[in-house]
Amino acid sequence: MAIPAAEVARETGTDTGAVTRMLDRLEAKDLVERTRNSQDRRVFNIELTDTGRLVTQKVPVLAINVMNRHLVGFDSDELEIMKGFLRRLLGNGGISITSVVNDSPVVNDHCGD
């Protein structure tokens, strides 16, 4: 699925210049490719390459391994307290934890309720 670069900037809360620099690096590593939008030639769509798709499959396992290393020594009560704090942080930032788990962060209109 291809998405416009401007949408990447909106979703990540960054400016288009930063997204362009990031895409330059990702494209140089053959992880993404930019193609002109057929309906609006001013717009570039971004799509993962085959290499990019392979890398994204590895990311969850790598992230879990890193997280597990950082959580060594915490007991289950401490982990539950930390999870509560993290939910509050996300809520304060306007992000619903349910939407993050479902892989589509959205603004939570009732943060702090």
PDB file of N, CA and C in Angstrom:
ATOM      1  N   MET A   1       0.846  -1.176   0.000  1.00  0.00           N
ATOM      2  CA  MET A   1       0.000   0.000   0.000  1.00  0.00           C
ATOM      3  C   MET A   1       0.893   1.241   0.000  1.00  0.00           C
ATOM      4  N   ALA A   2       0.725   2.089  -0.950  1.00  0.00           N
ATOM      5  CA  ALA A   2       1.501   3.325  -1.046  1.00  0.00           C
ATOM      6  C   ALA A   2       0.751   4.455  -0.344  1.00  0.00           C
ATOM      7  N   ILE A   3       1.509   5.316   0.338  1.00  0.00           N
ATOM      8  CA  ILE A   3       0.905   6.486   0.977  1.00  0.00           C
ATOM      9  C   ILE A   3       1.710   7.725   0.594  1.00  0.00           C
ATOM     10  N   PRO A   4       1.032   8.875   0.526  1.00  0.00           N
ATOM     11  CA  PRO A   4       1.743  10.108   0.180  1.00  0.00           C
ATOM     12  C   PRO A   4       2.731  10.519   1.269  1.00  0.00           C
ATOM     13  N   ALA A   5       3.844  11.115   0.862  1.00  0.00           N
ATOM     14  CA  ALA A   5       4.859  11.574   1.810  1.00  0.00           C
ATOM     15  C   ALA A   5       4.280  12.597   2.777  1.00  0.00           C
ATOM     16  N   ALA A   6       3.392  13.468   2.299  1.00  0.00           N
ATOM     17  CA  ALA A   6       2.782  14.480   3.172  1.00  0.00           C
ATOM     18  C   ALA A   6       1.983  13.817   4.287  1.00  0.00           C
ATOM     19  N   GLU A   7       1.373  12.677   4.003  1.00  0.00           N
ATOM     20  CA  GLU A   7       0.626  11.949   5.034  1.00  0.00           C
ATOM     21  C   GLU A   7       1.566  11.376   6.084  1.00  0.00           C
ATOM     22  N   VAL A   8       2.739  10.923   5.654  1.00  0.00           N
ATOM     23  CA  VAL A   8       3.751  10.440   6.599  1.00  0.00           C
ATOM     24  C   VAL A   8       4.121  11.573   7.552  1.00  0.00           C
ATOM     25  N   ALA A   9       4.315  12.768   7.008  1.00  0.00           N
ATOM     26  CA  ALA A   9       4.659  13.930   7.838  1.00  0.00           C
ATOM     27  C   ALA A   9       3.540  14.222   8.841  1.00  0.00           C
ATOM     28  N   ARG A  10       2.298  14.227   8.390  1.00  0.00           N
ATOM     29  CA  ARG A  10       1.163  14.493   9.299  1.00  0.00           C
ATOM     30  C   ARG A  10       1.072  13.445  10.398  1.00  0.00           C
ATOM     31  N   GLU A  11       1.168  12.172  10.019  1.00  0.00           N
ATOM     32  CA  GLU A  11       1.009  11.083  10.988  1.00  0.00           C
ATOM     33  C   GLU A  11       2.130  11.049  12.017  1.00  0.00           C
ATOM     34  N   THR A  12       3.326  11.487  11.633  1.00  0.00           N
ATOM     35  CA  THR A  12       4.456  11.436  12.559  1.00  0.00           C
ATOM     36  C   THR A  12       4.705  12.763  13.251  1.00  0.00           C
ATOM     37  N   GLY A  13       3.930  13.789  12.886  1.00  0.00           N
ATOM     38  CA  GLY A  13       4.078  15.087  13.527  1.00  0.00           C
ATOM     39  C   GLY A  13       5.401  15.767  13.176  1.00  0.00           C
ATOM     40  N   THR A  14       5.913  15.518  11.977  1.00  0.00           N
ATOM     41  CA  THR A  14       7.172  16.137  11.547  1.00  0.00           C
ATOM     42  C   THR A  14       6.917  16.975  10.304  1.00  0.00           C
ATOM     43  N   ASP A  15       7.891  17.793   9.954  1.00  0.00           N
ATOM     44  CA  ASP A  15       7.732  18.609   8.751  1.00  0.00           C
ATOM     45  C   ASP A  15       8.131  17.796   7.522  1.00  0.00           C
ATOM     46  N   THR A  16       7.686  18.256   6.378  1.00  0.00           N
ATOM     47  CA  THR A  16       7.941  17.501   5.148  1.00  0.00           C
ATOM     48  C   THR A  16       9.429  17.431   4.819  1.00  0.00           C
ATOM     49  N   GLY A  17      10.198  18.440   5.202  1.00  0.00           N
ATOM     50  CA  GLY A  17      11.644  18.397   4.965  1.00  0.00           C
ATOM     51  C   GLY A  17      12.305  17.254   5.709  1.00  0.00           C
ATOM     52  N   ALA A  18      11.898  17.049   6.971  1.00  0.00           N
ATOM     53  CA  ALA A  18      12.449  15.942   7.765  1.00  0.00           C
ATOM     54  C   ALA A  18      12.048  14.600   7.159  1.00  0.00           C
ATOM     55  N   VAL A  19      10.816  14.516   6.685  1.00  0.00           N
ATOM     56  CA  VAL A  19      10.353  13.275   6.062  1.00  0.00           C
ATOM     57  C   VAL A  19      11.146  13.012   4.786  1.00  0.00           C
ATOM     58  N   THR A  20      11.400  14.048   4.003  1.00  0.00           N
ATOM     59  CA  THR A  20      12.181  13.885   2.774  1.00  0.00           C
ATOM     60  C   THR A  20      13.572  13.358   3.085  1.00  0.00           C
ATOM     61  N   ARG A  21      14.231  13.930   4.107  1.00  0.00           N
ATOM     62  CA  ARG A  21      15.574  13.454   4.478  1.00  0.00           C
ATOM     63  C   ARG A  21      15.541  12.002   4.944  1.00  0.00           C
ATOM     64  N   MET A  22      14.528  11.644   5.736  1.00  0.00           N
ATOM     65  CA  MET A  22      14.396  10.264   6.200  1.00  0.00           C
ATOM     66  C   MET A  22      14.153   9.327   5.015  1.00  0.00           C
ATOM     67  N   LEU A  23      13.282   9.744   4.087  1.00  0.00           N
ATOM     68  CA  LEU A  23      12.992   8.913   2.926  1.00  0.00           C
ATOM     69  C   LEU A  23      14.220   8.751   2.038  1.00  0.00           C
ATOM     70  N   ASP A  24      15.037   9.807   1.939  1.00  0.00           N
ATOM     71  CA  ASP A  24      16.293   9.694   1.186  1.00  0.00           C
ATOM     72  C   ASP A  24      17.159   8.577   1.757  1.00  0.00           C
ATOM     73  N   ARG A  25      17.267   8.537   3.084  1.00  0.00           N
ATOM     74  CA  ARG A  25      18.089   7.499   3.730  1.00  0.00           C
ATOM     75  C   ARG A  25      17.484   6.112   3.540  1.00  0.00           C
ATOM     76  N   LEU A  26      16.169   6.006   3.713  1.00  0.00           N
ATOM     77  CA  LEU A  26      15.504   4.705   3.551  1.00  0.00           C
ATOM     78  C   LEU A  26      15.569   4.213   2.107  1.00  0.00           C
ATOM     79  N   GLU A  27      15.456   5.150   1.171  1.00  0.00           N
ATOM     80  CA  GLU A  27      15.532   4.781  -0.244  1.00  0.00           C
ATOM     81  C   GLU A  27      16.952   4.332  -0.608  1.00  0.00           C
ATOM     82  N   ALA A  28      17.950   4.977  -0.049  1.00  0.00           N
ATOM     83  CA  ALA A  28      19.346   4.592  -0.306  1.00  0.00           C
ATOM     84  C   ALA A  28      19.634   3.185   0.210  1.00  0.00           C
ATOM     85  N   LYS A  29      18.901   2.771   1.234  1.00  0.00           N
ATOM     86  CA  LYS A  29      19.069   1.416   1.787  1.00  0.00           C
ATOM     87  C   LYS A  29      18.125   0.408   1.127  1.00  0.00           C
ATOM     88  N   ASP A  30      17.407   0.850   0.094  1.00  0.00           N
ATOM     89  CA  ASP A  30      16.457   0.008  -0.637  1.00  0.00           C
ATOM     90  C   ASP A  30      15.332  -0.516   0.259  1.00  0.00           C
ATOM     91  N   LEU A  31      14.885   0.315   1.190  1.00  0.00           N
ATOM     92  CA  LEU A  31      13.790  -0.086   2.073  1.00  0.00           C
ATOM     93  C   LEU A  31      12.447   0.466   1.604  1.00  0.00           C
ATOM     94  N   VAL A  32      12.461   1.631   0.951  1.00  0.00           N
ATOM     95  CA  VAL A  32      11.243   2.227   0.402  1.00  0.00           C
ATOM     96  C   VAL A  32      11.526   2.731  -1.003  1.00  0.00           C
ATOM     97  N   GLU A  33      10.443   2.956  -1.742  1.00  0.00           N
ATOM     98  CA  GLU A  33      10.579   3.603  -3.037  1.00  0.00           C
ATOM     99  C   GLU A  33       9.498   4.668  -3.155  1.00  0.00           C
ATOM    100  N   ARG A  34       9.866   5.752  -3.822  1.00  0.00           N
ATOM    101  CA  ARG A  34       8.945   6.863  -4.065  1.00  0.00           C
ATOM    102  C   ARG A  34       8.494   6.817  -5.521  1.00  0.00           C
ATOM    103  N   THR A  35       7.206   6.952  -5.713  1.00  0.00           N
ATOM    104  CA  THR A  35       6.665   7.028  -7.074  1.00  0.00           C
ATOM    105  C   THR A  35       5.712   8.217  -7.137  1.00  0.00           C
ATOM    106  N   ARG A  36       5.649   8.834  -8.291  1.00  0.00           N
ATOM    107  CA  ARG A  36       4.726   9.955  -8.462  1.00  0.00           C
ATOM    108  C   ARG A  36       3.296   9.427  -8.458  1.00  0.00           C
ATOM    109  N   ASN A  37       2.430  10.189  -7.812  1.00  0.00           N
ATOM    110  CA  ASN A  37       1.007   9.869  -7.784  1.00  0.00           C
ATOM    111  C   ASN A  37       0.445  10.076  -9.186  1.00  0.00           C
ATOM    112  N   SER A  38      -0.289   9.099  -9.692  1.00  0.00           N
ATOM    113  CA  SER A  38      -0.813   9.190 -11.061  1.00  0.00           C
ATOM    114  C   SER A  38      -1.884  10.268 -11.210  1.00  0.00           C
ATOM    115  N   GLN A  39      -2.525  10.651 -10.106  1.00  0.00           N
ATOM    116  CA  GLN A  39      -3.582  11.667 -10.173  1.00  0.00           C
ATOM    117  C   GLN A  39      -3.067  13.073  -9.907  1.00  0.00           C
ATOM    118  N   ASP A  40      -1.927  13.177  -9.206  1.00  0.00           N
ATOM    119  CA  ASP A  40      -1.351  14.485  -8.904  1.00  0.00           C
ATOM    120  C   ASP A  40       0.160  14.342  -8.935  1.00  0.00           C
ATOM    121  N   ARG A  41       0.790  14.787  -9.998  1.00  0.00           N
ATOM    122  CA  ARG A  41       2.223  14.578 -10.196  1.00  0.00           C
ATOM    123  C   ARG A  41       3.080  15.327  -9.186  1.00  0.00           C
ATOM    124  N   ARG A  42       2.494  16.256  -8.417  1.00  0.00           N
ATOM    125  CA  ARG A  42       3.247  16.955  -7.373  1.00  0.00           C
ATOM    126  C   ARG A  42       3.436  16.066  -6.146  1.00  0.00           C
ATOM    127  N   VAL A  43       2.630  15.014  -6.040  1.00  0.00           N
ATOM    128  CA  VAL A  43       2.604  14.135  -4.868  1.00  0.00           C
ATOM    129  C   VAL A  43       3.425  12.883  -5.134  1.00  0.00           C
ATOM    130  N   PHE A  44       4.253  12.524  -4.141  1.00  0.00           N
ATOM    131  CA  PHE A  44       4.994  11.270  -4.205  1.00  0.00           C
ATOM    132  C   PHE A  44       4.355  10.272  -3.249  1.00  0.00           C
ATOM    133  N   ASN A  45       4.137   9.066  -3.726  1.00  0.00           N
ATOM    134  CA  ASN A  45       3.670   7.985  -2.868  1.00  0.00           C
ATOM    135  C   ASN A  45       4.872   7.184  -2.397  1.00  0.00           C
ATOM    136  N   ILE A  46       4.782   6.689  -1.167  1.00  0.00           N
ATOM    137  CA  ILE A  46       5.858   5.908  -0.561  1.00  0.00           C
ATOM    138  C   ILE A  46       5.369   4.472  -0.406  1.00  0.00           C
ATOM    139  N   GLU A  47       6.217   3.538  -0.783  1.00  0.00           N
ATOM    140  CA  GLU A  47       5.867   2.124  -0.648  1.00  0.00           C
ATOM    141  C   GLU A  47       7.099   1.339  -0.225  1.00  0.00           C
ATOM    142  N   LEU A  48       6.879   0.338   0.628  1.00  0.00           N
ATOM    143  CA  LEU A  48       7.984  -0.535   1.023  1.00  0.00           C
ATOM    144  C   LEU A  48       8.442  -1.368  -0.161  1.00  0.00           C
ATOM    145  N   THR A  49       9.744  -1.584  -0.235  1.00  0.00           N
ATOM    146  CA  THR A  49      10.299  -2.519  -1.215  1.00  0.00           C
ATOM    147  C   THR A  49      10.211  -3.922  -0.617  1.00  0.00           C
ATOM    148  N   ASP A  50      10.588  -4.922  -1.397  1.00  0.00           N
ATOM    149  CA  ASP A  50      10.627  -6.289  -0.856  1.00  0.00           C
ATOM    150  C   ASP A  50      11.572  -6.351   0.342  1.00  0.00           C
ATOM    151  N   THR A  51      12.723  -5.682   0.228  1.00  0.00           N
ATOM    152  CA  THR A  51      13.679  -5.641   1.341  1.00  0.00           C
ATOM    153  C   THR A  51      13.046  -4.958   2.555  1.00  0.00           C
ATOM    154  N   GLY A  52      12.342  -3.866   2.319  1.00  0.00           N
ATOM    155  CA  GLY A  52      11.677  -3.145   3.406  1.00  0.00           C
ATOM    156  C   GLY A  52      10.641  -4.010   4.115  1.00  0.00           C
ATOM    157  N   ARG A  53       9.901  -4.792   3.348  1.00  0.00           N
ATOM    158  CA  ARG A  53       8.902  -5.686   3.962  1.00  0.00           C
ATOM    159  C   ARG A  53       9.577  -6.744   4.833  1.00  0.00           C
ATOM    160  N   LEU A  54      10.710  -7.274   4.365  1.00  0.00           N
ATOM    161  CA  LEU A  54      11.449  -8.263   5.168  1.00  0.00           C
ATOM    162  C   LEU A  54      11.931  -7.646   6.479  1.00  0.00           C
ATOM    163  N   VAL A  55      12.441  -6.413   6.404  1.00  0.00           N
ATOM    164  CA  VAL A  55      12.938  -5.733   7.608  1.00  0.00           C
ATOM    165  C   VAL A  55      11.792  -5.480   8.584  1.00  0.00           C
ATOM    166  N   THR A  56      10.641  -5.048   8.080  1.00  0.00           N
ATOM    167  CA  THR A  56       9.526  -4.756   8.992  1.00  0.00           C
ATOM    168  C   THR A  56       9.029  -6.006   9.701  1.00  0.00           C
ATOM    169  N   GLN A  57       9.216  -7.163   9.104  1.00  0.00           N
ATOM    170  CA  GLN A  57       8.823  -8.401   9.778  1.00  0.00           C
ATOM    171  C   GLN A  57       9.729  -8.708  10.962  1.00  0.00           C
ATOM    172  N   LYS A  58      10.975  -8.226  10.904  1.00  0.00           N
ATOM    173  CA  LYS A  58      11.934  -8.488  11.983  1.00  0.00           C
ATOM    174  C   LYS A  58      11.816  -7.493  13.131  1.00  0.00           C
ATOM    175  N   VAL A  59      11.259  -6.327  12.871  1.00  0.00           N
ATOM    176  CA  VAL A  59      11.230  -5.258  13.870  1.00  0.00           C
ATOM    177  C   VAL A  59      10.521  -5.664  15.166  1.00  0.00           C
ATOM    178  N   PRO A  60       9.331  -6.273  15.127  1.00  0.00           N
ATOM    179  CA  PRO A  60       8.677  -6.616  16.396  1.00  0.00           C
ATOM    180  C   PRO A  60       9.534  -7.513  17.300  1.00  0.00           C
ATOM    181  N   VAL A  61      10.189  -8.504  16.718  1.00  0.00           N
ATOM    182  CA  VAL A  61      11.026  -9.411  17.514  1.00  0.00           C
ATOM    183  C   VAL A  61      12.203  -8.650  18.118  1.00  0.00           C
ATOM    184  N   LEU A  62      12.835  -7.788  17.318  1.00  0.00           N
ATOM    185  CA  LEU A  62      13.952  -6.989  17.830  1.00  0.00           C
ATOM    186  C   LEU A  62      13.491  -6.058  18.950  1.00  0.00           C
ATOM    187  N   ALA A  63      12.344  -5.425  18.765  1.00  0.00           N
ATOM    188  CA  ALA A  63      11.826  -4.510  19.789  1.00  0.00           C
ATOM    189  C   ALA A  63      11.503  -5.256  21.082  1.00  0.00           C
ATOM    190  N   ILE A  64      10.930  -6.430  20.969  1.00  0.00           N
ATOM    191  CA  ILE A  64      10.612  -7.237  22.151  1.00  0.00           C
ATOM    192  C   ILE A  64      11.885  -7.634  22.884  1.00  0.00           C
ATOM    193  N   ASN A  65      12.901  -8.037  22.138  1.00  0.00           N
ATOM    194  CA  ASN A  65      14.170  -8.423  22.772  1.00  0.00           C
ATOM    195  C   ASN A  65      14.804  -7.247  23.518  1.00  0.00           C
ATOM    196  N   VAL A  66      14.788  -6.077  22.907  1.00  0.00           N
ATOM    197  CA  VAL A  66      15.332  -4.875  23.563  1.00  0.00           C
ATOM    198  C   VAL A  66      14.528  -4.556  24.813  1.00  0.00           C
ATOM    199  N   MET A  67      13.195  -4.581  24.699  1.00  0.00           N
ATOM    200  CA  MET A  67      12.335  -4.284  25.848  1.00  0.00           C
ATOM    201  C   MET A  67      12.580  -5.272  26.984  1.00  0.00           C
ATOM    202  N   ASN A  68      12.689  -6.546  26.656  1.00  0.00           N
ATOM    203  CA  ASN A  68      12.929  -7.559  27.687  1.00  0.00           C
ATOM    204  C   ASN A  68      14.250  -7.321  28.418  1.00  0.00           C
ATOM    205  N   ARG A  69      15.283  -6.898  27.672  1.00  0.00           N
ATOM    206  CA  ARG A  69      16.571  -6.602  28.319  1.00  0.00           C
ATOM    207  C   ARG A  69      16.440  -5.431  29.290  1.00  0.00           C
ATOM    208  N   HIS A  70      15.642  -4.437  28.928  1.00  0.00           N
ATOM    209  CA  HIS A  70      15.479  -3.267  29.793  1.00  0.00           C
ATOM    210  C   HIS A  70      14.583  -3.540  31.002  1.00  0.00           C
ATOM    211  N   LEU A  71      13.769  -4.574  30.927  1.00  0.00           N
ATOM    212  CA  LEU A  71      12.829  -4.865  32.013  1.00  0.00           C
ATOM    213  C   LEU A  71      13.338  -5.911  32.995  1.00  0.00           C
ATOM    214  N   VAL A  72      14.565  -6.375  32.813  1.00  0.00           N
ATOM    215  CA  VAL A  72      15.141  -7.355  33.737  1.00  0.00           C
ATOM    216  C   VAL A  72      15.148  -6.762  35.146  1.00  0.00           C
ATOM    217  N   GLY A  73      14.672  -7.537  36.112  1.00  0.00           N
ATOM    218  CA  GLY A  73      14.688  -7.097  37.504  1.00  0.00           C
ATOM    219  C   GLY A  73      13.393  -6.471  37.984  1.00  0.00           C
ATOM    220  N   PHE A  74      12.460  -6.159  37.080  1.00  0.00           N
ATOM    221  CA  PHE A  74      11.165  -5.629  37.497  1.00  0.00           C
ATOM    222  C   PHE A  74      10.230  -6.787  37.819  1.00  0.00           C
ATOM    223  N   ASP A  75       9.508  -6.688  38.942  1.00  0.00           N
ATOM    224  CA  ASP A  75       8.526  -7.737  39.237  1.00  0.00           C
ATOM    225  C   ASP A  75       7.192  -7.372  38.573  1.00  0.00           C
ATOM    226  N   SER A  76       6.228  -8.293  38.639  1.00  0.00           N
ATOM    227  CA  SER A  76       4.961  -8.101  37.926  1.00  0.00           C
ATOM    228  C   SER A  76       4.192  -6.876  38.434  1.00  0.00           C
ATOM    229  N   ASP A  77       4.254  -6.601  39.742  1.00  0.00           N
ATOM    230  CA  ASP A  77       3.575  -5.407  40.262  1.00  0.00           C
ATOM    231  C   ASP A  77       4.196  -4.130  39.692  1.00  0.00           C
ATOM    232  N   GLU A  78       5.513  -4.092  39.639  1.00  0.00           N
ATOM    233  CA  GLU A  78       6.192  -2.915  39.090  1.00  0.00           C
ATOM    234  C   GLU A  78       5.869  -2.731  37.607  1.00  0.00           C
ATOM    235  N   LEU A  79       5.768  -3.835  36.877  1.00  0.00           N
ATOM    236  CA  LEU A  79       5.422  -3.745  35.455  1.00  0.00           C
ATOM    237  C   LEU A  79       4.007  -3.209  35.268  1.00  0.00           C
ATOM    238  N   GLU A  80       3.077  -3.625  36.115  1.00  0.00           N
ATOM    239  CA  GLU A  80       1.699  -3.122  36.019  1.00  0.00           C
ATOM    240  C   GLU A  80       1.636  -1.629  36.324  1.00  0.00           C
ATOM    241  N   ILE A  81       2.398  -1.188  37.319  1.00  0.00           N
ATOM    242  CA  ILE A  81       2.457   0.242  37.644  1.00  0.00           C
ATOM    243  C   ILE A  81       3.027   1.014  36.449  1.00  0.00           C
ATOM    244  N   MET A  82       4.099   0.492  35.857  1.00  0.00           N
ATOM    245  CA  MET A  82       4.714   1.158  34.712  1.00  0.00           C
ATOM    246  C   MET A  82       3.735   1.239  33.543  1.00  0.00           C
ATOM    247  N   LYS A  83       3.008   0.150  33.287  1.00  0.00           N
ATOM    248  CA  LYS A  83       2.036   0.153  32.203  1.00  0.00           C
ATOM    249  C   LYS A  83       0.962   1.208  32.441  1.00  0.00           C
ATOM    250  N   GLY A  84       0.540   1.371  33.695  1.00  0.00           N
ATOM    251  CA  GLY A  84      -0.441   2.411  34.022  1.00  0.00           C
ATOM    252  C   GLY A  84       0.106   3.802  33.722  1.00  0.00           C
ATOM    253  N   PHE A  85       1.366   4.041  34.107  1.00  0.00           N
ATOM    254  CA  PHE A  85       2.002   5.329  33.820  1.00  0.00           C
ATOM    255  C   PHE A  85       2.083   5.577  32.310  1.00  0.00           C
ATOM    256  N   LEU A  86       2.468   4.543  31.566  1.00  0.00           N
ATOM    257  CA  LEU A  86       2.597   4.693  30.121  1.00  0.00           C
ATOM    258  C   LEU A  86       1.244   4.978  29.464  1.00  0.00           C
ATOM    259  N   ARG A  87       0.180   4.334  29.954  1.00  0.00           N
ATOM    260  CA  ARG A  87      -1.162   4.615  29.428  1.00  0.00           C
ATOM    261  C   ARG A  87      -1.530   6.078  29.673  1.00  0.00           C
ATOM    262  N   ARG A  88      -1.205   6.566  30.864  1.00  0.00           N
ATOM    263  CA  ARG A  88      -1.497   7.964  31.175  1.00  0.00           C
ATOM    264  C   ARG A  88      -0.699   8.903  30.288  1.00  0.00           C
ATOM    265  N   LEU A  89       0.593   8.584  30.041  1.00  0.00           N
ATOM    266  CA  LEU A  89       1.413   9.409  29.154  1.00  0.00           C
ATOM    267  C   LEU A  89       0.803   9.469  27.751  1.00  0.00           C
ATOM    268  N   LEU A  90       0.412   8.315  27.219  1.00  0.00           N
ATOM    269  CA  LEU A  90      -0.208   8.282  25.900  1.00  0.00           C
ATOM    270  C   LEU A  90      -1.502   9.074  25.893  1.00  0.00           C
ATOM    271  N   GLY A  91      -2.303   8.904  26.936  1.00  0.00           N
ATOM    272  CA  GLY A  91      -3.558   9.643  27.039  1.00  0.00           C
ATOM    273  C   GLY A  91      -3.328  11.139  27.079  1.00  0.00           C
ATOM    274  N   ASN A  92      -2.315  11.561  27.826  1.00  0.00           N
ATOM    275  CA  ASN A  92      -1.998  12.988  27.901  1.00  0.00           C
ATOM    276  C   ASN A  92      -1.552  13.523  26.545  1.00  0.00           C
ATOM    277  N   GLY A  93      -0.996  12.655  25.725  1.00  0.00           N
ATOM    278  CA  GLY A  93      -0.576  13.046  24.385  1.00  0.00           C
ATOM    279  C   GLY A  93      -1.693  12.943  23.366  1.00  0.00           C
ATOM    280  N   GLY A  94      -2.875  12.538  23.810  1.00  0.00           N
ATOM    281  CA  GLY A  94      -4.023  12.454  22.908  1.00  0.00           C
ATOM    282  C   GLY A  94      -4.088  11.173  22.113  1.00  0.00           C
ATOM    283  N   ILE A  95      -3.401  10.121  22.581  1.00  0.00           N
ATOM    284  CA  ILE A  95      -3.402   8.855  21.846  1.00  0.00           C
ATOM    285  C   ILE A  95      -4.138   7.803  22.663  1.00  0.00           C
ATOM    286  N   SER A  96      -5.075   7.138  22.014  1.00  0.00           N
ATOM    287  CA  SER A  96      -5.822   6.064  22.652  1.00  0.00           C
ATOM    288  C   SER A  96      -4.996   4.785  22.619  1.00  0.00           C
ATOM    289  N   ILE A  97      -4.822   4.135  23.769  1.00  0.00           N
ATOM    290  CA  ILE A  97      -4.030   2.901  23.825  1.00  0.00           C
ATOM    291  C   ILE A  97      -4.665   1.823  22.962  1.00  0.00           C
ATOM    292  N   THR A  98      -5.987   1.800  22.859  1.00  0.00           N
ATOM    293  CA  THR A  98      -6.669   0.808  22.024  1.00  0.00           C
ATOM    294  C   THR A  98      -6.269   0.975  20.572  1.00  0.00           C
ATOM    295  N   SER A  99      -6.195   2.220  20.105  1.00  0.00           N
ATOM    296  CA  SER A  99      -5.843   2.442  18.707  1.00  0.00           C
ATOM    297  C   SER A  99      -4.389   2.094  18.439  1.00  0.00           C
ATOM    298  N   VAL A 100      -3.501   2.290  19.417  1.00  0.00           N
ATOM    299  CA  VAL A 100      -2.095   1.927  19.232  1.00  0.00           C
ATOM    300  C   VAL A 100      -1.974   0.419  19.107  1.00  0.00           C
ATOM    301  N   VAL A 101      -2.690  -0.313  19.943  1.00  0.00           N
ATOM    302  CA  VAL A 101      -2.648  -1.776  19.897  1.00  0.00           C
ATOM    303  C   VAL A 101      -3.198  -2.279  18.570  1.00  0.00           C
ATOM    304  N   ASN A 102      -4.214  -1.598  18.044  1.00  0.00           N
ATOM    305  CA  ASN A 102      -4.807  -1.995  16.768  1.00  0.00           C
ATOM    306  C   ASN A 102      -4.040  -1.444  15.576  1.00  0.00           C
ATOM    307  N   ASP A 103      -2.852  -0.854  15.826  1.00  0.00           N
ATOM    308  CA  ASP A 103      -1.933  -0.418  14.770  1.00  0.00           C
ATOM    309  C   ASP A 103      -2.416   0.794  13.993  1.00  0.00           C
ATOM    310  N   SER A 104      -3.249   1.625  14.618  1.00  0.00           N
ATOM    311  CA  SER A 104      -3.667   2.845  13.930  1.00  0.00           C
ATOM    312  C   SER A 104      -3.877   3.950  14.952  1.00  0.00           C
ATOM    313  N   PRO A 105      -2.778   4.609  15.369  1.00  0.00           N
ATOM    314  CA  PRO A 105      -2.904   5.658  16.380  1.00  0.00           C
ATOM    315  C   PRO A 105      -3.862   6.757  15.933  1.00  0.00           C
ATOM    316  N   VAL A 106      -4.790   7.101  16.805  1.00  0.00           N
ATOM    317  CA  VAL A 106      -5.730   8.194  16.538  1.00  0.00           C
ATOM    318  C   VAL A 106      -5.823   9.076  17.758  1.00  0.00           C
ATOM    319  N   VAL A 107      -6.301  10.286  17.565  1.00  0.00           N
ATOM    320  CA  VAL A 107      -6.469  11.199  18.681  1.00  0.00           C
ATOM    321  C   VAL A 107      -7.634  10.730  19.528  1.00  0.00           C
ATOM    322  N   ASN A 108      -7.438  10.694  20.829  1.00  0.00           N
ATOM    323  CA  ASN A 108      -8.465  10.296  21.772  1.00  0.00           C
ATOM    324  C   ASN A 108      -9.150  11.561  22.259  1.00  0.00           C
ATOM    325  N   ASP A 109     -10.418  11.736  21.905  1.00  0.00           N
ATOM    326  CA  ASP A 109     -11.140  12.947  22.260  1.00  0.00           C
ATOM    327  C   ASP A 109     -11.496  13.028  23.741  1.00  0.00           C
ATOM    328  N   HIS A 110     -11.345  11.949  24.482  1.00  0.00           N
ATOM    329  CA  HIS A 110     -11.728  11.987  25.886  1.00  0.00           C
ATOM    330  C   HIS A 110     -10.584  11.549  26.791  1.00  0.00           C
ATOM    331  N   CYS A 111      -9.411  12.143  26.554  1.00  0.00           N
ATOM    332  CA  CYS A 111      -8.244  11.865  27.379  1.00  0.00           C
ATOM    333  C   CYS A 111      -8.487  12.336  28.801  1.00  0.00           C
ATOM    334  N   GLY A 112      -8.071  11.551  29.733  1.00  0.00           N
ATOM    335  CA  GLY A 112      -8.166  11.938  31.125  1.00  0.00           C
ATOM    336  C   GLY A 112      -9.502  11.641  31.770  1.00  0.00           C
ATOM    337  N   ASP A 113     -10.473  11.097  30.982  1.00  0.00           N
ATOM    338  CA  ASP A 113     -11.775  10.756  31.565  1.00  0.00           C
ATOM    339  C   ASP A 113     -11.670   9.520  32.412  1.00  0.00           C
TER     340      ASP A 113
END
